[in-house]
Amino acid sequence: MPRLKIETYGAGDQTWLASLHALANARTGNLDISAFTKATHYPNGYLPSGLELSVADEGALVPWTGAAGEKLGFLVEDTPTDGTENPNVAYLWHGAIKTANLPIAHVAATTGDASGFTFVQEA
């Protein structure tokens, strides 16, 4: 008999959103989980809502570093991971972001494209 496992999780802490405007226009992509570090990105068994992503390739979303060729996006909901499977996720590709409420400190674009976002300094 198979071992069944029930997990419950919600959308997560979305206080990083300065507006709900862009949620209806979220896109879908596939995370390349091998590019993420457990201790940094999912120490609690899930990638947190508001995690910065490089979304230049929707087939392989990776952590945002602000480097050339990257396009900034944000993970919409908490996403459970076992660290081996590449989950499909919704990501924000434009909108207003409260940087003080992001789960990991905001990485400013050096040569990457963050043009779809307005950054708000309020908490």
PDB file of N, CA and C in Angstrom:
ATOM      1  N   MET A   1       0.847  -1.173   0.000  1.00  0.00           N
ATOM      2  CA  MET A   1       0.000   0.000   0.000  1.00  0.00           C
ATOM      3  C   MET A   1       0.897   1.242   0.000  1.00  0.00           C
ATOM      4  N   PRO A   2       0.568   2.239  -0.823  1.00  0.00           N
ATOM      5  CA  PRO A   2       1.402   3.447  -0.869  1.00  0.00           C
ATOM      6  C   PRO A   2       1.277   4.256   0.420  1.00  0.00           C
ATOM      7  N   ARG A   3       2.335   4.933   0.733  1.00  0.00           N
ATOM      8  CA  ARG A   3       2.312   5.823   1.900  1.00  0.00           C
ATOM      9  C   ARG A   3       1.784   7.174   1.440  1.00  0.00           C
ATOM     10  N   LEU A   4       0.682   7.564   2.004  1.00  0.00           N
ATOM     11  CA  LEU A   4       0.095   8.844   1.656  1.00  0.00           C
ATOM     12  C   LEU A   4       0.638   9.922   2.577  1.00  0.00           C
ATOM     13  N   LYS A   5       0.810  11.082   2.029  1.00  0.00           N
ATOM     14  CA  LYS A   5       1.331  12.195   2.800  1.00  0.00           C
ATOM     15  C   LYS A   5       0.434  13.396   2.544  1.00  0.00           C
ATOM     16  N   ILE A   6      -0.021  14.024   3.599  1.00  0.00           N
ATOM     17  CA  ILE A   6      -0.859  15.210   3.468  1.00  0.00           C
ATOM     18  C   ILE A   6      -0.060  16.409   3.952  1.00  0.00           C
ATOM     19  N   GLU A   7      -0.012  17.441   3.121  1.00  0.00           N
ATOM     20  CA  GLU A   7       0.684  18.664   3.483  1.00  0.00           C
ATOM     21  C   GLU A   7      -0.280  19.826   3.332  1.00  0.00           C
ATOM     22  N   THR A   8      -0.175  20.772   4.224  1.00  0.00           N
ATOM     23  CA  THR A   8      -0.994  21.968   4.139  1.00  0.00           C
ATOM     24  C   THR A   8      -0.080  23.180   4.166  1.00  0.00           C
ATOM     25  N   TYR A   9      -0.281  24.076   3.243  1.00  0.00           N
ATOM     26  CA  TYR A   9       0.454  25.331   3.246  1.00  0.00           C
ATOM     27  C   TYR A   9      -0.425  26.375   2.590  1.00  0.00           C
ATOM     28  N   GLY A  10      -0.123  27.623   2.850  1.00  0.00           N
ATOM     29  CA  GLY A  10      -0.916  28.715   2.294  1.00  0.00           C
ATOM     30  C   GLY A  10      -0.098  29.535   1.326  1.00  0.00           C
ATOM     31  N   ALA A  11      -0.617  30.691   1.008  1.00  0.00           N
ATOM     32  CA  ALA A  11       0.049  31.577   0.059  1.00  0.00           C
ATOM     33  C   ALA A  11       1.316  32.178   0.643  1.00  0.00           C
ATOM     34  N   GLY A  12       1.411  32.194   1.967  1.00  0.00           N
ATOM     35  CA  GLY A  12       2.588  32.762   2.604  1.00  0.00           C
ATOM     36  C   GLY A  12       2.389  34.220   2.964  1.00  0.00           C
ATOM     37  N   ASP A  13       3.463  34.843   3.378  1.00  0.00           N
ATOM     38  CA  ASP A  13       3.450  36.249   3.770  1.00  0.00           C
ATOM     39  C   ASP A  13       3.601  37.103   2.517  1.00  0.00           C
ATOM     40  N   GLN A  14       2.512  37.728   2.100  1.00  0.00           N
ATOM     41  CA  GLN A  14       2.553  38.546   0.886  1.00  0.00           C
ATOM     42  C   GLN A  14       2.580  40.039   1.192  1.00  0.00           C
ATOM     43  N   THR A  15       3.076  40.398   2.377  1.00  0.00           N
ATOM     44  CA  THR A  15       3.173  41.818   2.721  1.00  0.00           C
ATOM     45  C   THR A  15       4.231  42.534   1.883  1.00  0.00           C
ATOM     46  N   TRP A  16       5.010  41.813   1.112  1.00  0.00           N
ATOM     47  CA  TRP A  16       5.990  42.411   0.206  1.00  0.00           C
ATOM     48  C   TRP A  16       5.320  43.062  -1.003  1.00  0.00           C
ATOM     49  N   LEU A  17       4.051  42.744  -1.224  1.00  0.00           N
ATOM     50  CA  LEU A  17       3.309  43.357  -2.327  1.00  0.00           C
ATOM     51  C   LEU A  17       2.825  44.742  -1.911  1.00  0.00           C
ATOM     52  N   ALA A  18       3.185  45.771  -2.654  1.00  0.00           N
ATOM     53  CA  ALA A  18       2.712  47.126  -2.363  1.00  0.00           C
ATOM     54  C   ALA A  18       1.359  47.366  -3.022  1.00  0.00           C
ATOM     55  N   SER A  19       0.957  46.453  -3.904  1.00  0.00           N
ATOM     56  CA  SER A  19      -0.310  46.553  -4.617  1.00  0.00           C
ATOM     57  C   SER A  19      -0.695  45.158  -5.094  1.00  0.00           C
ATOM     58  N   LEU A  20      -1.986  44.901  -5.185  1.00  0.00           N
ATOM     59  CA  LEU A  20      -2.455  43.614  -5.704  1.00  0.00           C
ATOM     60  C   LEU A  20      -2.594  43.636  -7.222  1.00  0.00           C
ATOM     61  N   HIS A  21      -2.298  44.762  -7.820  1.00  0.00           N
ATOM     62  CA  HIS A  21      -2.483  44.978  -9.256  1.00  0.00           C
ATOM     63  C   HIS A  21      -1.959  43.835 -10.132  1.00  0.00           C
ATOM     64  N   ALA A  22      -0.764  43.408  -9.939  1.00  0.00           N
ATOM     65  CA  ALA A  22      -0.124  42.471 -10.865  1.00  0.00           C
ATOM     66  C   ALA A  22      -0.446  41.003 -10.617  1.00  0.00           C
ATOM     67  N   LEU A  23      -1.081  40.675  -9.499  1.00  0.00           N
ATOM     68  CA  LEU A  23      -1.349  39.263  -9.190  1.00  0.00           C
ATOM     69  C   LEU A  23      -2.190  38.580 -10.261  1.00  0.00           C
ATOM     70  N   ALA A  24      -3.135  39.293 -10.831  1.00  0.00           N
ATOM     71  CA  ALA A  24      -3.998  38.706 -11.862  1.00  0.00           C
ATOM     72  C   ALA A  24      -3.232  38.424 -13.151  1.00  0.00           C
ATOM     73  N   ASN A  25      -2.040  38.985 -13.275  1.00  0.00           N
ATOM     74  CA  ASN A  25      -1.238  38.801 -14.483  1.00  0.00           C
ATOM     75  C   ASN A  25       0.005  37.953 -14.251  1.00  0.00           C
ATOM     76  N   ALA A  26       0.024  37.195 -13.153  1.00  0.00           N
ATOM     77  CA  ALA A  26       1.188  36.350 -12.865  1.00  0.00           C
ATOM     78  C   ALA A  26       1.402  35.349 -13.996  1.00  0.00           C
ATOM     79  N   ARG A  27       2.641  35.006 -14.228  1.00  0.00           N
ATOM     80  CA  ARG A  27       3.000  34.025 -15.253  1.00  0.00           C
ATOM     81  C   ARG A  27       3.433  32.734 -14.570  1.00  0.00           C
ATOM     82  N   THR A  28       3.552  31.672 -15.352  1.00  0.00           N
ATOM     83  CA  THR A  28       3.963  30.375 -14.831  1.00  0.00           C
ATOM     84  C   THR A  28       5.324  30.000 -15.400  1.00  0.00           C
ATOM     85  N   GLY A  29       6.166  29.448 -14.550  1.00  0.00           N
ATOM     86  CA  GLY A  29       7.473  28.981 -14.983  1.00  0.00           C
ATOM     87  C   GLY A  29       7.875  27.755 -14.184  1.00  0.00           C
ATOM     88  N   ASN A  30       8.996  27.166 -14.564  1.00  0.00           N
ATOM     89  CA  ASN A  30       9.509  25.965 -13.914  1.00  0.00           C
ATOM     90  C   ASN A  30      10.807  26.308 -13.196  1.00  0.00           C
ATOM     91  N   LEU A  31      10.837  26.064 -11.877  1.00  0.00           N
ATOM     92  CA  LEU A  31      12.046  26.343 -11.099  1.00  0.00           C
ATOM     93  C   LEU A  31      13.126  25.300 -11.363  1.00  0.00           C
ATOM     94  N   ASP A  32      14.352  25.746 -11.510  1.00  0.00           N
ATOM     95  CA  ASP A  32      15.507  24.845 -11.547  1.00  0.00           C
ATOM     96  C   ASP A  32      16.000  24.751 -10.108  1.00  0.00           C
ATOM     97  N   ILE A  33      15.463  23.796  -9.360  1.00  0.00           N
ATOM     98  CA  ILE A  33      15.728  23.711  -7.920  1.00  0.00           C
ATOM     99  C   ILE A  33      17.210  23.498  -7.615  1.00  0.00           C
ATOM    100  N   SER A  34      17.972  22.939  -8.555  1.00  0.00           N
ATOM    101  CA  SER A  34      19.403  22.717  -8.316  1.00  0.00           C
ATOM    102  C   SER A  34      20.171  24.034  -8.183  1.00  0.00           C
ATOM    103  N   ALA A  35      19.596  25.141  -8.646  1.00  0.00           N
ATOM    104  CA  ALA A  35      20.255  26.443  -8.560  1.00  0.00           C
ATOM    105  C   ALA A  35      20.024  27.134  -7.213  1.00  0.00           C
ATOM    106  N   PHE A  36      19.137  26.575  -6.398  1.00  0.00           N
ATOM    107  CA  PHE A  36      18.801  27.165  -5.105  1.00  0.00           C
ATOM    108  C   PHE A  36      19.550  26.440  -3.988  1.00  0.00           C
ATOM    109  N   THR A  37      19.869  27.166  -2.928  1.00  0.00           N
ATOM    110  CA  THR A  37      20.578  26.613  -1.778  1.00  0.00           C
ATOM    111  C   THR A  37      19.603  26.425  -0.630  1.00  0.00           C
ATOM    112  N   LYS A  38      19.557  25.213  -0.085  1.00  0.00           N
ATOM    113  CA  LYS A  38      18.605  24.920   0.984  1.00  0.00           C
ATOM    114  C   LYS A  38      18.743  25.891   2.153  1.00  0.00           C
ATOM    115  N   ALA A  39      19.947  26.119   2.636  1.00  0.00           N
ATOM    116  CA  ALA A  39      20.155  26.978   3.809  1.00  0.00           C
ATOM    117  C   ALA A  39      19.710  28.420   3.564  1.00  0.00           C
ATOM    118  N   THR A  40      19.815  28.875   2.338  1.00  0.00           N
ATOM    119  CA  THR A  40      19.457  30.255   2.009  1.00  0.00           C
ATOM    120  C   THR A  40      18.022  30.393   1.533  1.00  0.00           C
ATOM    121  N   HIS A  41      17.608  29.541   0.608  1.00  0.00           N
ATOM    122  CA  HIS A  41      16.332  29.724  -0.081  1.00  0.00           C
ATOM    123  C   HIS A  41      15.156  28.927   0.466  1.00  0.00           C
ATOM    124  N   TYR A  42      15.407  27.754   1.049  1.00  0.00           N
ATOM    125  CA  TYR A  42      14.285  26.955   1.567  1.00  0.00           C
ATOM    126  C   TYR A  42      14.660  26.164   2.830  1.00  0.00           C
ATOM    127  N   PRO A  43      15.142  26.861   3.871  1.00  0.00           N
ATOM    128  CA  PRO A  43      15.536  26.163   5.099  1.00  0.00           C
ATOM    129  C   PRO A  43      14.367  25.492   5.819  1.00  0.00           C
ATOM    130  N   ASN A  44      13.147  25.946   5.557  1.00  0.00           N
ATOM    131  CA  ASN A  44      11.962  25.384   6.214  1.00  0.00           C
ATOM    132  C   ASN A  44      11.194  24.416   5.316  1.00  0.00           C
ATOM    133  N   GLY A  45      11.815  24.000   4.207  1.00  0.00           N
ATOM    134  CA  GLY A  45      11.170  23.044   3.310  1.00  0.00           C
ATOM    135  C   GLY A  45      10.290  23.670   2.246  1.00  0.00           C
ATOM    136  N   TYR A  46      10.333  24.998   2.142  1.00  0.00           N
ATOM    137  CA  TYR A  46       9.566  25.667   1.090  1.00  0.00           C
ATOM    138  C   TYR A  46      10.287  26.944   0.668  1.00  0.00           C
ATOM    139  N   LEU A  47      10.096  27.310  -0.591  1.00  0.00           N
ATOM    140  CA  LEU A  47      10.604  28.577  -1.104  1.00  0.00           C
ATOM    141  C   LEU A  47       9.559  29.631  -0.734  1.00  0.00           C
ATOM    142  N   PRO A  48       9.946  30.723  -0.076  1.00  0.00           N
ATOM    143  CA  PRO A  48       8.962  31.677   0.418  1.00  0.00           C
ATOM    144  C   PRO A  48       8.414  32.630  -0.646  1.00  0.00           C
ATOM    145  N   SER A  49       7.170  32.999  -0.463  1.00  0.00           N
ATOM    146  CA  SER A  49       6.531  34.013  -1.288  1.00  0.00           C
ATOM    147  C   SER A  49       7.380  35.281  -1.252  1.00  0.00           C
ATOM    148  N   GLY A  50       7.605  35.891  -2.414  1.00  0.00           N
ATOM    149  CA  GLY A  50       8.414  37.101  -2.491  1.00  0.00           C
ATOM    150  C   GLY A  50       9.871  36.848  -2.817  1.00  0.00           C
ATOM    151  N   LEU A  51      10.256  35.586  -2.978  1.00  0.00           N
ATOM    152  CA  LEU A  51      11.639  35.258  -3.326  1.00  0.00           C
ATOM    153  C   LEU A  51      11.959  35.827  -4.709  1.00  0.00           C
ATOM    154  N   GLU A  52      13.098  36.518  -4.832  1.00  0.00           N
ATOM    155  CA  GLU A  52      13.506  37.087  -6.114  1.00  0.00           C
ATOM    156  C   GLU A  52      14.006  35.982  -7.043  1.00  0.00           C
ATOM    157  N   LEU A  53      13.518  36.023  -8.277  1.00  0.00           N
ATOM    158  CA  LEU A  53      13.872  35.025  -9.281  1.00  0.00           C
ATOM    159  C   LEU A  53      14.393  35.698 -10.539  1.00  0.00           C
ATOM    160  N   SER A  54      15.243  34.999 -11.264  1.00  0.00           N
ATOM    161  CA  SER A  54      15.585  35.404 -12.619  1.00  0.00           C
ATOM    162  C   SER A  54      14.646  34.626 -13.525  1.00  0.00           C
ATOM    163  N   VAL A  55      13.810  35.356 -14.269  1.00  0.00           N
ATOM    164  CA  VAL A  55      12.758  34.720 -15.067  1.00  0.00           C
ATOM    165  C   VAL A  55      13.009  34.846 -16.569  1.00  0.00           C
ATOM    166  N   ALA A  56      14.245  35.084 -16.956  1.00  0.00           N
ATOM    167  CA  ALA A  56      14.583  35.230 -18.372  1.00  0.00           C
ATOM    168  C   ALA A  56      14.251  33.968 -19.161  1.00  0.00           C
ATOM    169  N   ASP A  57      14.371  32.808 -18.531  1.00  0.00           N
ATOM    170  CA  ASP A  57      14.036  31.524 -19.156  1.00  0.00           C
ATOM    171  C   ASP A  57      12.944  30.874 -18.311  1.00  0.00           C
ATOM    172  N   GLU A  58      11.698  30.895 -18.787  1.00  0.00           N
ATOM    173  CA  GLU A  58      10.582  30.346 -18.008  1.00  0.00           C
ATOM    174  C   GLU A  58      10.706  28.851 -17.767  1.00  0.00           C
ATOM    175  N   GLY A  59      11.545  28.177 -18.515  1.00  0.00           N
ATOM    176  CA  GLY A  59      11.756  26.749 -18.331  1.00  0.00           C
ATOM    177  C   GLY A  59      12.779  26.433 -17.259  1.00  0.00           C
ATOM    178  N   ALA A  60      13.484  27.463 -16.782  1.00  0.00           N
ATOM    179  CA  ALA A  60      14.524  27.262 -15.764  1.00  0.00           C
ATOM    180  C   ALA A  60      14.672  28.536 -14.933  1.00  0.00           C
ATOM    181  N   LEU A  61      13.713  28.777 -14.040  1.00  0.00           N
ATOM    182  CA  LEU A  61      13.785  29.932 -13.153  1.00  0.00           C
ATOM    183  C   LEU A  61      14.854  29.674 -12.096  1.00  0.00           C
ATOM    184  N   VAL A  62      15.714  30.650 -11.876  1.00  0.00           N
ATOM    185  CA  VAL A  62      16.833  30.518 -10.940  1.00  0.00           C
ATOM    186  C   VAL A  62      16.868  31.743 -10.023  1.00  0.00           C
ATOM    187  N   PRO A  63      17.700  31.730  -8.976  1.00  0.00           N
ATOM    188  CA  PRO A  63      17.798  32.907  -8.108  1.00  0.00           C
ATOM    189  C   PRO A  63      18.286  34.143  -8.872  1.00  0.00           C
ATOM    190  N   TRP A  64      17.713  35.287  -8.560  1.00  0.00           N
ATOM    191  CA  TRP A  64      18.095  36.569  -9.154  1.00  0.00           C
ATOM    192  C   TRP A  64      19.409  37.037  -8.548  1.00  0.00           C
ATOM    193  N   THR A  65      20.348  37.458  -9.398  1.00  0.00           N
ATOM    194  CA  THR A  65      21.609  38.032  -8.922  1.00  0.00           C
ATOM    195  C   THR A  65      21.811  39.451  -9.436  1.00  0.00           C
ATOM    196  N   GLY A  66      20.975  39.876 -10.390  1.00  0.00           N
ATOM    197  CA  GLY A  66      21.101  41.210 -10.964  1.00  0.00           C
ATOM    198  C   GLY A  66      22.076  41.280 -12.120  1.00  0.00           C
ATOM    199  N   ALA A  67      22.574  40.137 -12.571  1.00  0.00           N
ATOM    200  CA  ALA A  67      23.588  40.089 -13.631  1.00  0.00           C
ATOM    201  C   ALA A  67      22.980  40.273 -15.025  1.00  0.00           C
ATOM    202  N   ALA A  68      23.839  40.529 -15.985  1.00  0.00           N
ATOM    203  CA  ALA A  68      23.425  40.709 -17.376  1.00  0.00           C
ATOM    204  C   ALA A  68      22.651  39.497 -17.873  1.00  0.00           C
ATOM    205  N   GLY A  69      21.606  39.744 -18.642  1.00  0.00           N
ATOM    206  CA  GLY A  69      20.801  38.674 -19.218  1.00  0.00           C
ATOM    207  C   GLY A  69      19.668  38.208 -18.322  1.00  0.00           C
ATOM    208  N   GLU A  70      19.650  38.647 -17.062  1.00  0.00           N
ATOM    209  CA  GLU A  70      18.584  38.248 -16.147  1.00  0.00           C
ATOM    210  C   GLU A  70      17.395  39.198 -16.245  1.00  0.00           C
ATOM    211  N   LYS A  71      16.215  38.682 -15.944  1.00  0.00           N
ATOM    212  CA  LYS A  71      14.975  39.468 -15.866  1.00  0.00           C
ATOM    213  C   LYS A  71      14.371  39.159 -14.504  1.00  0.00           C
ATOM    214  N   LEU A  72      14.085  40.203 -13.723  1.00  0.00           N
ATOM    215  CA  LEU A  72      13.592  40.026 -12.359  1.00  0.00           C
ATOM    216  C   LEU A  72      12.135  39.595 -12.316  1.00  0.00           C
ATOM    217  N   GLY A  73      11.849  38.667 -11.410  1.00  0.00           N
ATOM    218  CA  GLY A  73      10.491  38.244 -11.101  1.00  0.00           C
ATOM    219  C   GLY A  73      10.437  37.869  -9.626  1.00  0.00           C
ATOM    220  N   PHE A  74       9.228  37.692  -9.094  1.00  0.00           N
ATOM    221  CA  PHE A  74       9.059  37.338  -7.685  1.00  0.00           C
ATOM    222  C   PHE A  74       8.117  36.154  -7.560  1.00  0.00           C
ATOM    223  N   LEU A  75       8.469  35.197  -6.725  1.00  0.00           N
ATOM    224  CA  LEU A  75       7.630  34.034  -6.461  1.00  0.00           C
ATOM    225  C   LEU A  75       6.351  34.501  -5.776  1.00  0.00           C
ATOM    226  N   VAL A  76       5.183  34.108  -6.304  1.00  0.00           N
ATOM    227  CA  VAL A  76       3.905  34.589  -5.779  1.00  0.00           C
ATOM    228  C   VAL A  76       3.521  33.902  -4.474  1.00  0.00           C
ATOM    229  N   GLU A  77       3.671  32.590  -4.385  1.00  0.00           N
ATOM    230  CA  GLU A  77       3.221  31.846  -3.208  1.00  0.00           C
ATOM    231  C   GLU A  77       4.339  30.973  -2.644  1.00  0.00           C
ATOM    232  N   ASP A  78       4.223  30.653  -1.352  1.00  0.00           N
ATOM    233  CA  ASP A  78       5.128  29.664  -0.768  1.00  0.00           C
ATOM    234  C   ASP A  78       5.061  28.397  -1.614  1.00  0.00           C
ATOM    235  N   THR A  79       6.206  27.793  -1.870  1.00  0.00           N
ATOM    236  CA  THR A  79       6.261  26.599  -2.707  1.00  0.00           C
ATOM    237  C   THR A  79       7.065  25.518  -2.005  1.00  0.00           C
ATOM    238  N   PRO A  80       6.395  24.438  -1.558  1.00  0.00           N
ATOM    239  CA  PRO A  80       7.127  23.367  -0.886  1.00  0.00           C
ATOM    240  C   PRO A  80       8.104  22.689  -1.850  1.00  0.00           C
ATOM    241  N   THR A  81       9.229  22.249  -1.316  1.00  0.00           N
ATOM    242  CA  THR A  81      10.204  21.552  -2.148  1.00  0.00           C
ATOM    243  C   THR A  81      10.943  20.497  -1.333  1.00  0.00           C
ATOM    244  N   ASP A  82      11.281  19.421  -2.020  1.00  0.00           N
ATOM    245  CA  ASP A  82      12.110  18.386  -1.403  1.00  0.00           C
ATOM    246  C   ASP A  82      13.560  18.549  -1.845  1.00  0.00           C
ATOM    247  N   GLY A  83      13.813  19.556  -2.677  1.00  0.00           N
ATOM    248  CA  GLY A  83      15.167  19.824  -3.146  1.00  0.00           C
ATOM    249  C   GLY A  83      15.583  19.005  -4.350  1.00  0.00           C
ATOM    250  N   THR A  84      14.666  18.176  -4.889  1.00  0.00           N
ATOM    251  CA  THR A  84      15.016  17.360  -6.054  1.00  0.00           C
ATOM    252  C   THR A  84      14.107  17.623  -7.251  1.00  0.00           C
ATOM    253  N   GLU A  85      12.816  17.812  -7.031  1.00  0.00           N
ATOM    254  CA  GLU A  85      11.884  18.043  -8.140  1.00  0.00           C
ATOM    255  C   GLU A  85      11.827  19.523  -8.493  1.00  0.00           C
ATOM    256  N   ASN A  86      11.673  19.822  -9.767  1.00  0.00           N
ATOM    257  CA  ASN A  86      11.562  21.194 -10.254  1.00  0.00           C
ATOM    258  C   ASN A  86      10.087  21.581 -10.346  1.00  0.00           C
ATOM    259  N   PRO A  87       9.571  22.327  -9.363  1.00  0.00           N
ATOM    260  CA  PRO A  87       8.145  22.646  -9.371  1.00  0.00           C
ATOM    261  C   PRO A  87       7.776  23.754 -10.353  1.00  0.00           C
ATOM    262  N   ASN A  88       6.550  23.686 -10.857  1.00  0.00           N
ATOM    263  CA  ASN A  88       5.979  24.783 -11.631  1.00  0.00           C
ATOM    264  C   ASN A  88       5.435  25.797 -10.637  1.00  0.00           C
ATOM    265  N   VAL A  89       5.687  27.068 -10.891  1.00  0.00           N
ATOM    266  CA  VAL A  89       5.296  28.121  -9.955  1.00  0.00           C
ATOM    267  C   VAL A  89       4.712  29.322 -10.693  1.00  0.00           C
ATOM    268  N   ALA A  90       3.955  30.120  -9.949  1.00  0.00           N
ATOM    269  CA  ALA A  90       3.486  31.410 -10.458  1.00  0.00           C
ATOM    270  C   ALA A  90       4.498  32.465 -10.022  1.00  0.00           C
ATOM    271  N   TYR A  91       4.811  33.378 -10.940  1.00  0.00           N
ATOM    272  CA  TYR A  91       5.728  34.455 -10.578  1.00  0.00           C
ATOM    273  C   TYR A  91       5.199  35.794 -11.084  1.00  0.00           C
ATOM    274  N   LEU A  92       5.520  36.832 -10.337  1.00  0.00           N
ATOM    275  CA  LEU A  92       5.151  38.194 -10.684  1.00  0.00           C
ATOM    276  C   LEU A  92       6.220  38.745 -11.607  1.00  0.00           C
ATOM    277  N   TRP A  93       5.820  39.335 -12.722  1.00  0.00           N
ATOM    278  CA  TRP A  93       6.801  39.873 -13.662  1.00  0.00           C
ATOM    279  C   TRP A  93       6.728  41.391 -13.777  1.00  0.00           C
ATOM    280  N   HIS A  94       5.776  42.002 -13.075  1.00  0.00           N
ATOM    281  CA  HIS A  94       5.717  43.457 -12.955  1.00  0.00           C
ATOM    282  C   HIS A  94       4.903  43.796 -11.710  1.00  0.00           C
ATOM    283  N   GLY A  95       5.079  45.000 -11.188  1.00  0.00           N
ATOM    284  CA  GLY A  95       4.302  45.407 -10.024  1.00  0.00           C
ATOM    285  C   GLY A  95       5.074  46.308  -9.079  1.00  0.00           C
ATOM    286  N   ALA A  96       4.458  46.548  -7.907  1.00  0.00           N
ATOM    287  CA  ALA A  96       5.052  47.396  -6.874  1.00  0.00           C
ATOM    288  C   ALA A  96       5.450  46.521  -5.688  1.00  0.00           C
ATOM    289  N   ILE A  97       6.689  46.665  -5.233  1.00  0.00           N
ATOM    290  CA  ILE A  97       7.280  45.781  -4.224  1.00  0.00           C
ATOM    291  C   ILE A  97       7.764  46.579  -3.013  1.00  0.00           C
ATOM    292  N   LYS A  98       7.407  46.105  -1.816  1.00  0.00           N
ATOM    293  CA  LYS A  98       7.926  46.676  -0.568  1.00  0.00           C
ATOM    294  C   LYS A  98       9.197  45.902  -0.219  1.00  0.00           C
ATOM    295  N   THR A  99      10.338  46.488  -0.489  1.00  0.00           N
ATOM    296  CA  THR A  99      11.606  45.772  -0.306  1.00  0.00           C
ATOM    297  C   THR A  99      11.861  45.374   1.147  1.00  0.00           C
ATOM    298  N   ALA A 100      11.368  46.146   2.106  1.00  0.00           N
ATOM    299  CA  ALA A 100      11.597  45.829   3.522  1.00  0.00           C
ATOM    300  C   ALA A 100      10.904  44.536   3.943  1.00  0.00           C
ATOM    301  N   ASN A 101       9.906  44.093   3.179  1.00  0.00           N
ATOM    302  CA  ASN A 101       9.137  42.910   3.554  1.00  0.00           C
ATOM    303  C   ASN A 101       9.493  41.663   2.746  1.00  0.00           C
ATOM    304  N   LEU A 102      10.520  41.740   1.921  1.00  0.00           N
ATOM    305  CA  LEU A 102      10.939  40.563   1.157  1.00  0.00           C
ATOM    306  C   LEU A 102      11.560  39.530   2.099  1.00  0.00           C
ATOM    307  N   PRO A 103      11.429  38.234   1.794  1.00  0.00           N
ATOM    308  CA  PRO A 103      11.962  37.197   2.681  1.00  0.00           C
ATOM    309  C   PRO A 103      13.488  37.154   2.739  1.00  0.00           C
ATOM    310  N   ILE A 104      14.143  37.612   1.679  1.00  0.00           N
ATOM    311  CA  ILE A 104      15.606  37.695   1.608  1.00  0.00           C
ATOM    312  C   ILE A 104      15.923  39.100   1.115  1.00  0.00           C
ATOM    313  N   ALA A 105      16.983  39.703   1.598  1.00  0.00           N
ATOM    314  CA  ALA A 105      17.324  41.081   1.228  1.00  0.00           C
ATOM    315  C   ALA A 105      17.314  41.280  -0.284  1.00  0.00           C
ATOM    316  N   HIS A 106      16.747  42.394  -0.719  1.00  0.00           N
ATOM    317  CA  HIS A 106      16.652  42.734  -2.139  1.00  0.00           C
ATOM    318  C   HIS A 106      18.037  42.896  -2.753  1.00  0.00           C
ATOM    319  N   VAL A 107      18.223  42.332  -3.936  1.00  0.00           N
ATOM    320  CA  VAL A 107      19.463  42.473  -4.698  1.00  0.00           C
ATOM    321  C   VAL A 107      19.192  43.473  -5.814  1.00  0.00           C
ATOM    322  N   ALA A 108      19.822  44.629  -5.751  1.00  0.00           N
ATOM    323  CA  ALA A 108      19.624  45.650  -6.778  1.00  0.00           C
ATOM    324  C   ALA A 108      20.221  45.179  -8.102  1.00  0.00           C
ATOM    325  N   ALA A 109      19.574  45.570  -9.185  1.00  0.00           N
ATOM    326  CA  ALA A 109      20.056  45.199 -10.515  1.00  0.00           C
ATOM    327  C   ALA A 109      21.372  45.907 -10.803  1.00  0.00           C
ATOM    328  N   THR A 110      22.341  45.163 -11.291  1.00  0.00           N
ATOM    329  CA  THR A 110      23.578  45.782 -11.757  1.00  0.00           C
ATOM    330  C   THR A 110      23.431  45.975 -13.262  1.00  0.00           C
ATOM    331  N   THR A 111      23.324  44.886 -13.985  1.00  0.00           N
ATOM    332  CA  THR A 111      23.068  44.972 -15.425  1.00  0.00           C
ATOM    333  C   THR A 111      21.835  44.173 -15.817  1.00  0.00           C
ATOM    334  N   GLY A 112      21.215  43.474 -14.853  1.00  0.00           N
ATOM    335  CA  GLY A 112      19.987  42.721 -15.116  1.00  0.00           C
ATOM    336  C   GLY A 112      18.802  43.659 -15.288  1.00  0.00           C
ATOM    337  N   ASP A 113      17.699  43.134 -15.800  1.00  0.00           N
ATOM    338  CA  ASP A 113      16.504  43.922 -16.104  1.00  0.00           C
ATOM    339  C   ASP A 113      15.471  43.820 -14.981  1.00  0.00           C
ATOM    340  N   ALA A 114      15.289  44.912 -14.254  1.00  0.00           N
ATOM    341  CA  ALA A 114      14.273  44.991 -13.199  1.00  0.00           C
ATOM    342  C   ALA A 114      13.239  46.052 -13.554  1.00  0.00           C
ATOM    343  N   SER A 115      13.143  46.390 -14.840  1.00  0.00           N
ATOM    344  CA  SER A 115      12.333  47.523 -15.289  1.00  0.00           C
ATOM    345  C   SER A 115      10.835  47.372 -15.058  1.00  0.00           C
ATOM    346  N   GLY A 116      10.337  46.181 -14.820  1.00  0.00           N
ATOM    347  CA  GLY A 116       8.906  45.993 -14.609  1.00  0.00           C
ATOM    348  C   GLY A 116       8.440  46.314 -13.208  1.00  0.00           C
ATOM    349  N   PHE A 117       9.350  46.694 -12.324  1.00  0.00           N
ATOM    350  CA  PHE A 117       8.989  46.867 -10.922  1.00  0.00           C
ATOM    351  C   PHE A 117       9.248  48.275 -10.405  1.00  0.00           C
ATOM    352  N   THR A 118       8.374  48.678  -9.491  1.00  0.00           N
ATOM    353  CA  THR A 118       8.557  49.901  -8.719  1.00  0.00           C
ATOM    354  C   THR A 118       8.847  49.452  -7.296  1.00  0.00           C
ATOM    355  N   PHE A 119       9.911  49.963  -6.706  1.00  0.00           N
ATOM    356  CA  PHE A 119      10.306  49.552  -5.362  1.00  0.00           C
ATOM    357  C   PHE A 119       9.926  50.632  -4.361  1.00  0.00           C
ATOM    358  N   VAL A 120       9.209  50.204  -3.320  1.00  0.00           N
ATOM    359  CA  VAL A 120       8.702  51.094  -2.284  1.00  0.00           C
ATOM    360  C   VAL A 120       9.480  50.808  -1.007  1.00  0.00           C
ATOM    361  N   GLN A 121       9.904  51.840  -0.308  1.00  0.00           N
ATOM    362  CA  GLN A 121      10.738  51.657   0.882  1.00  0.00           C
ATOM    363  C   GLN A 121       9.952  51.487   2.171  1.00  0.00           C
ATOM    364  N   GLU A 122       8.632  51.623   2.140  1.00  0.00           N
ATOM    365  CA  GLU A 122       7.833  51.480   3.364  1.00  0.00           C
ATOM    366  C   GLU A 122       7.687  50.023   3.759  1.00  0.00           C
ATOM    367  N   ALA A 123       7.375  49.800   5.020  1.00  0.00           N
ATOM    368  CA  ALA A 123       7.181  48.430   5.516  1.00  0.00           C
ATOM    369  C   ALA A 123       5.714  48.074   5.546  1.00  0.00           C
TER     370      ALA A 123
END
